[in-house]
Amino acid sequence: MKPVTMYTTAVCPFCVRAKQVLNSKGVSDIKEVRIDLDPQERDKMMSTTGRRTVPQIFIGDTHIGGCDDLVALNQAGKLDLLLAD
């Protein structure tokens, strides 16, 4: 399974939802990057993704987007393929 990285903040219902979706797919190890604790990480996230909102989710080196993007991928049946090695 590819590594999953998620940019998050402490209070983020969309982050919680995204983690639930990933957990339902067997992803137990999510590297969380807390942008509310580290402004440099926020800057890095924004320069990499062009977005300001959390979560921003990466599967391997692929930027998935936010929670809605993750849910849409799952509903389209494409999330499993992205997670597979």
Foldseek 3Di string as FASTA:
>chain_A
DFAKEWEDADDDVQVVLQVVVVVVVVDDDYHYHHCVVPVVVQVVVCVVPVDNDDTFMDGHNRTQGTSVSSVVCVVVVNNNVSNDD
